[in-house]
Amino acid sequence: MKRRWIRDAIYGYQDPNSRRWAFWREKLVTPDGRKTFRTLVPAVPYSGLYRRSTVADPPPVAPQCLYRLTPLRAALSPRSGGGDVLVAEGEKDANAGARLPGVAAATSHWGGAAVGMTPEQAQHLAPLATAASRRSGRRVVIVVDRDDPGYANGLHTWELLRVVGFRRSQLAVVRPADGVISGGAVCTGVCDCEPVCPPPGRGWEKADLTDHVRAGYGLRDLVPVSEADLRVAADRWAQERAAGAEYGAPVPSEFTPEFEAELRALAAEWPGWPARRKKAA
């Protein structure tokens, strides 16, 4: 059966060496809860023409890019007034984390568990790995989804930040609160929801920061996850991947003329996309 892909969101990434848009990530979902992403890279600046990219063929600047990099840099400046920095798993969660008072939120290119943070991306957080930040109590809070891929990604991010120079006391790995349900609800009978709800009794599975915030919880309600639990989940996920398990879904190949027309229209309508260059009068 052919999947019915639905455009869910588009996220813009800025080049860390300039203020220009480097690329955009288009999130696609299916009724059965599968998701994937396509990366759109300007073929000609300001032309409205784009080429698609994949995990195997990312834009050259991608390993340096963080989502919400500009507000992150502002939060790391000496004049920011302090506060924790959240590293979320995916752009949707970074947007949700940014709504919490007193924190900045960011995520890595490709959103987290599918690829993970790069050393270049981790370097953006290095200004917090200082004695002054330790004295002020500022931390990097890594928020993981409640599943094995999420825990594995959290461990990967934690280890990278340790290499950057963060002490254990400055890093916290947390998950959504126990009362948070993935997607917001769980059916007790036959489920007709799209995407399908988790089984009764396992509604917490795959809960993320967006679910946590929507449920009315805050930063203090996030639950710490021990390094031992992260390593157990990471080992389990590595075994599943060795057995053929995949994260997300393959990028769809059904690119149609209708989609290309929608993409051109979207370039002019969606906030964050570059405007077409106006002709000189």
Protein backbone atom coordinates (compact mmCIF):
# COMPACT_ATOMS: atom_id res chain seq x y z
CA MET A 1 0.00 0.00 0.00
CA LYS A 2 1.40 3.37 -1.02
CA ARG A 3 1.95 5.73 1.89
CA ARG A 4 0.04 9.01 1.89
CA TRP A 5 2.66 11.59 2.81
CA ILE A 6 1.40 14.81 4.38
CA ARG A 7 3.49 17.95 4.83
CA ASP A 8 3.56 18.68 8.57
CA ALA A 9 6.08 21.51 9.01
CA ILE A 10 9.09 23.29 7.56
CA TYR A 11 12.09 24.43 9.63
CA GLY A 12 14.74 26.93 8.54
CA TYR A 13 18.46 26.68 9.36
CA GLN A 14 20.81 29.64 9.18
CA ASP A 15 24.42 29.46 8.07
CA PRO A 16 26.47 29.94 11.29
CA ASN A 17 29.00 32.01 9.35
CA SER A 18 26.40 34.45 8.02
CA ARG A 19 22.77 35.36 8.54
CA ARG A 20 21.59 33.76 5.31
CA TRP A 21 19.29 30.77 5.21
CA ALA A 22 21.38 27.69 4.48
CA PHE A 23 18.62 25.10 4.01
CA TRP A 24 15.16 24.02 5.16
CA ARG A 25 13.88 20.73 6.52
CA GLU A 26 10.43 19.63 5.43
CA LYS A 27 8.74 17.20 7.80
CA LEU A 28 6.41 14.61 6.23
CA VAL A 29 4.12 12.26 8.13
CA THR A 30 1.84 9.31 7.31
CA PRO A 31 -1.50 8.32 8.89
CA ASP A 32 0.15 5.34 10.59
CA GLY A 33 2.53 7.60 12.52
CA ARG A 34 5.64 7.23 10.38
CA LYS A 35 7.68 10.36 9.69
CA THR A 36 10.53 11.40 7.47
CA PHE A 37 12.25 14.59 6.36
CA ARG A 38 13.41 16.12 3.11
CA THR A 39 16.09 18.78 3.08
CA LEU A 40 15.66 21.62 0.61
CA VAL A 41 18.77 23.56 -0.40
CA PRO A 42 18.73 26.76 -2.48
CA ALA A 43 19.98 25.93 -5.95
CA VAL A 44 20.18 29.61 -6.87
CA PRO A 45 19.89 32.19 -4.05
CA TYR A 46 16.58 34.09 -4.05
CA SER A 47 15.42 32.28 -7.19
CA GLY A 48 12.77 30.06 -5.57
CA LEU A 49 14.57 27.01 -7.03
CA TYR A 50 15.61 24.22 -4.68
CA ARG A 51 17.33 20.87 -4.81
CA ARG A 52 16.59 18.05 -2.42
CA SER A 53 19.17 16.50 -0.12
CA THR A 54 19.28 13.34 2.00
CA VAL A 55 21.11 12.14 5.11
CA ALA A 56 23.74 10.65 2.81
CA ASP A 57 24.09 13.92 0.87
CA PRO A 58 23.65 16.79 3.34
CA PRO A 59 24.40 20.43 2.53
CA PRO A 60 28.13 21.11 3.16
CA VAL A 61 27.34 23.53 5.98
CA ALA A 62 24.89 21.15 7.72
CA PRO A 63 27.34 19.67 10.28
CA GLN A 64 27.86 23.19 11.67
CA CYS A 65 24.19 24.18 11.89
CA LEU A 66 21.89 24.18 14.89
CA TYR A 67 18.19 24.93 14.73
CA ARG A 68 17.40 28.21 16.57
CA LEU A 69 21.08 29.16 16.51
CA THR A 70 20.49 32.92 16.61
CA PRO A 71 18.48 32.93 19.89
CA LEU A 72 20.95 30.39 21.31
CA ARG A 73 23.88 32.72 20.63
CA ALA A 74 21.96 35.57 22.28
CA ALA A 75 21.36 33.39 25.35
CA LEU A 76 25.06 32.52 25.57
CA SER A 77 26.22 36.13 25.48
CA PRO A 78 27.48 37.76 28.72
CA ARG A 79 24.51 40.16 28.63
CA SER A 80 21.87 37.43 28.48
CA GLY A 81 21.17 37.23 32.21
CA GLY A 82 21.79 33.49 32.50
CA GLY A 83 19.41 30.55 32.36
CA ASP A 84 19.65 26.95 31.24
CA VAL A 85 20.00 25.81 27.63
CA LEU A 86 17.81 22.95 26.42
CA VAL A 87 19.07 20.58 23.74
CA ALA A 88 15.92 18.98 22.37
CA GLU A 89 15.35 16.01 20.08
CA GLY A 90 14.03 17.63 16.94
CA GLU A 91 12.82 21.01 15.77
CA LYS A 92 9.27 20.61 17.06
CA ASP A 93 10.59 19.97 20.57
CA ALA A 94 13.04 22.88 20.32
CA ASN A 95 10.13 25.19 19.53
CA ALA A 96 8.20 23.76 22.49
CA GLY A 97 11.20 24.19 24.80
CA ALA A 98 11.63 27.80 23.71
CA ARG A 99 8.17 28.51 25.16
CA LEU A 100 9.35 27.60 28.65
CA PRO A 101 10.32 30.69 30.67
CA GLY A 102 13.97 31.48 31.29
CA VAL A 103 15.58 28.99 28.89
CA ALA A 104 16.95 28.86 25.37
CA ALA A 105 16.36 25.78 23.21
CA ALA A 106 18.09 24.32 20.17
CA THR A 107 18.52 21.05 18.31
CA SER A 108 20.96 19.57 15.84
CA HIS A 109 20.54 19.17 12.10
CA TRP A 110 18.42 16.13 11.20
CA GLY A 111 16.67 16.59 14.53
CA GLY A 112 18.40 14.21 16.89
CA ALA A 113 18.01 10.46 17.01
CA ALA A 114 18.22 9.85 13.26
CA VAL A 115 21.80 11.17 13.01
CA GLY A 116 22.83 12.92 16.21
CA MET A 117 24.80 16.02 17.10
CA THR A 118 28.17 16.62 15.45
CA PRO A 119 31.35 17.88 17.16
CA GLU A 120 31.02 21.15 15.21
CA GLN A 121 27.48 21.65 16.52
CA ALA A 122 28.56 20.87 20.07
CA GLN A 123 31.15 23.65 19.84
CA HIS A 124 28.34 26.23 19.68
CA LEU A 125 27.62 25.42 23.35
CA ALA A 126 31.26 25.72 24.45
CA PRO A 127 30.81 29.27 25.87
CA LEU A 128 28.90 27.65 28.75
CA ALA A 129 31.75 25.24 29.58
CA THR A 130 33.56 27.85 31.67
CA ALA A 131 34.32 28.39 35.34
CA ALA A 132 32.06 31.46 35.39
CA SER A 133 29.11 29.44 34.07
CA ARG A 134 29.77 26.71 36.62
CA ARG A 135 29.75 29.27 39.44
CA SER A 136 26.48 30.75 38.18
CA GLY A 137 24.85 27.30 38.02
CA ARG A 138 24.05 27.42 34.30
CA ARG A 139 23.51 24.00 32.72
CA VAL A 140 22.88 22.30 29.43
CA VAL A 141 19.73 20.19 29.80
CA ILE A 142 19.46 17.38 27.24
CA VAL A 143 15.79 16.40 26.83
CA VAL A 144 15.27 12.89 25.41
CA ASP A 145 12.23 11.12 24.02
CA ARG A 146 11.02 8.16 26.08
CA ASP A 147 12.26 5.41 23.79
CA ASP A 148 15.53 3.62 23.14
CA PRO A 149 16.56 5.79 20.14
CA GLY A 150 15.94 8.89 22.24
CA TYR A 151 18.03 7.60 25.13
CA ALA A 152 20.81 6.57 22.75
CA ASN A 153 20.82 10.03 21.19
CA GLY A 154 20.88 11.64 24.64
CA LEU A 155 23.96 9.60 25.58
CA HIS A 156 25.67 10.58 22.32
CA THR A 157 25.00 14.29 22.97
CA TRP A 158 26.14 14.00 26.61
CA GLU A 159 29.43 12.38 25.56
CA LEU A 160 30.08 15.05 22.91
CA LEU A 161 29.54 17.86 25.40
CA ARG A 162 31.90 16.20 27.85
CA VAL A 163 34.58 16.29 25.13
CA VAL A 164 33.85 20.00 24.57
CA GLY A 165 34.74 20.62 28.20
CA PHE A 166 31.53 20.42 30.22
CA ARG A 167 31.73 18.91 33.68
CA ARG A 168 29.15 16.38 34.82
CA SER A 169 27.66 18.96 37.17
CA GLN A 170 26.83 21.19 34.20
CA LEU A 171 25.00 18.52 32.21
CA ALA A 172 21.61 16.99 32.88
CA VAL A 173 19.78 14.38 30.80
CA VAL A 174 16.04 14.41 31.43
CA ARG A 175 12.82 12.95 30.03
CA PRO A 176 9.14 14.00 30.11
CA ALA A 177 7.23 13.66 33.38
CA ASP A 178 5.56 10.36 34.29
CA GLY A 179 2.08 11.74 33.65
CA VAL A 180 2.87 12.73 30.04
CA ILE A 181 1.23 10.67 27.31
CA SER A 182 2.70 10.39 23.82
CA GLY A 183 0.51 12.36 21.44
CA GLY A 184 -1.71 13.48 24.31
CA ALA A 185 -4.08 10.50 24.68
CA VAL A 186 -4.35 6.71 24.66
CA CYS A 187 -7.37 4.77 23.39
CA THR A 188 -8.72 2.04 25.67
CA GLY A 189 -10.53 0.14 22.93
CA VAL A 190 -10.13 -0.12 19.15
CA CYS A 191 -7.93 2.78 18.04
CA ASP A 192 -8.95 4.71 14.94
CA CYS A 193 -6.57 7.59 15.60
CA GLU A 194 -3.97 8.87 13.14
CA PRO A 195 -1.24 8.21 14.19
CA VAL A 196 -2.15 5.09 16.12
CA CYS A 197 -2.01 5.51 19.91
CA PRO A 198 0.40 3.47 22.07
CA PRO A 199 -1.11 0.38 23.75
CA PRO A 200 -2.96 0.97 27.05
CA GLY A 201 -0.48 1.03 29.91
CA ARG A 202 2.35 2.21 27.65
CA GLY A 203 1.07 5.66 26.81
CA TRP A 204 4.33 7.15 28.05
CA GLU A 205 6.30 5.43 25.27
CA LYS A 206 7.79 7.91 22.77
CA ALA A 207 6.54 10.89 24.80
CA ASP A 208 8.62 13.96 24.01
CA LEU A 209 9.17 17.53 25.15
CA THR A 210 6.26 18.79 23.05
CA ASP A 211 3.90 16.38 24.85
CA HIS A 212 5.41 17.50 28.17
CA VAL A 213 4.78 21.20 27.50
CA ARG A 214 1.29 20.61 26.06
CA ALA A 215 0.36 18.71 29.22
CA GLY A 216 1.11 21.82 31.27
CA TYR A 217 4.43 20.68 32.75
CA GLY A 218 7.51 22.87 33.06
CA LEU A 219 11.27 22.65 33.30
CA ARG A 220 11.28 21.51 36.93
CA ASP A 221 8.93 18.60 36.11
CA LEU A 222 11.40 16.92 33.73
CA VAL A 223 12.71 13.67 35.22
CA PRO A 224 16.47 12.97 35.39
CA VAL A 225 17.77 9.92 33.51
CA SER A 226 20.88 8.19 34.86
CA GLU A 227 23.93 7.46 32.74
CA ALA A 228 23.43 3.75 33.44
CA ASP A 229 19.87 3.83 32.03
CA LEU A 230 21.08 5.71 28.96
CA ARG A 231 23.78 3.11 28.28
CA VAL A 232 21.39 0.16 28.69
CA ALA A 233 18.93 1.72 26.23
CA ALA A 234 21.72 2.65 23.80
CA ASP A 235 23.02 -0.94 23.79
CA ARG A 236 19.50 -2.27 23.23
CA TRP A 237 18.93 0.13 20.32
CA ALA A 238 22.29 -0.81 18.77
CA GLN A 239 21.24 -4.47 18.82
CA GLU A 240 17.89 -3.62 17.22
CA ARG A 241 19.59 -1.62 14.49
CA ALA A 242 21.98 -4.51 13.84
CA ALA A 243 18.92 -6.69 13.38
CA GLY A 244 17.50 -4.30 10.76
CA ALA A 245 15.44 -1.80 12.78
CA GLU A 246 15.11 1.68 11.27
CA TYR A 247 14.39 5.07 12.77
CA GLY A 248 11.61 6.93 10.99
CA ALA A 249 10.86 6.06 7.38
CA PRO A 250 12.62 6.22 4.01
CA VAL A 251 12.40 9.50 2.13
CA PRO A 252 9.49 9.22 -0.33
CA SER A 253 10.32 9.14 -4.00
CA GLU A 254 6.97 10.27 -5.44
CA PHE A 255 7.99 13.81 -6.41
CA THR A 256 5.32 15.11 -8.75
CA PRO A 257 4.88 18.32 -10.79
CA GLU A 258 2.07 19.21 -8.39
CA PHE A 259 4.48 19.01 -5.46
CA GLU A 260 6.99 21.22 -7.26
CA ALA A 261 4.25 23.82 -7.85
CA GLU A 262 3.32 23.69 -4.15
CA LEU A 263 6.96 24.14 -3.20
CA ARG A 264 7.30 27.27 -5.30
CA ALA A 265 4.14 28.72 -3.77
CA LEU A 266 5.37 27.82 -0.30
CA ALA A 267 8.61 29.71 -0.87
CA ALA A 268 6.61 32.92 -1.08
CA GLU A 269 4.13 32.18 1.73
CA TRP A 270 5.88 30.29 4.56
CA PRO A 271 7.62 32.42 7.23
CA GLY A 272 11.37 31.88 7.21
CA TRP A 273 11.67 31.17 3.51
CA PRO A 274 13.70 33.72 1.50
CA ALA A 275 11.70 36.23 -0.47
CA ARG A 276 12.24 36.40 -4.18
CA ARG A 277 14.54 39.23 -5.22
CA LYS A 278 12.50 42.18 -6.46
CA LYS A 279 13.30 43.54 -9.89
CA ALA A 280 14.78 46.97 -9.98
CA ALA A 281 12.31 49.67 -10.92
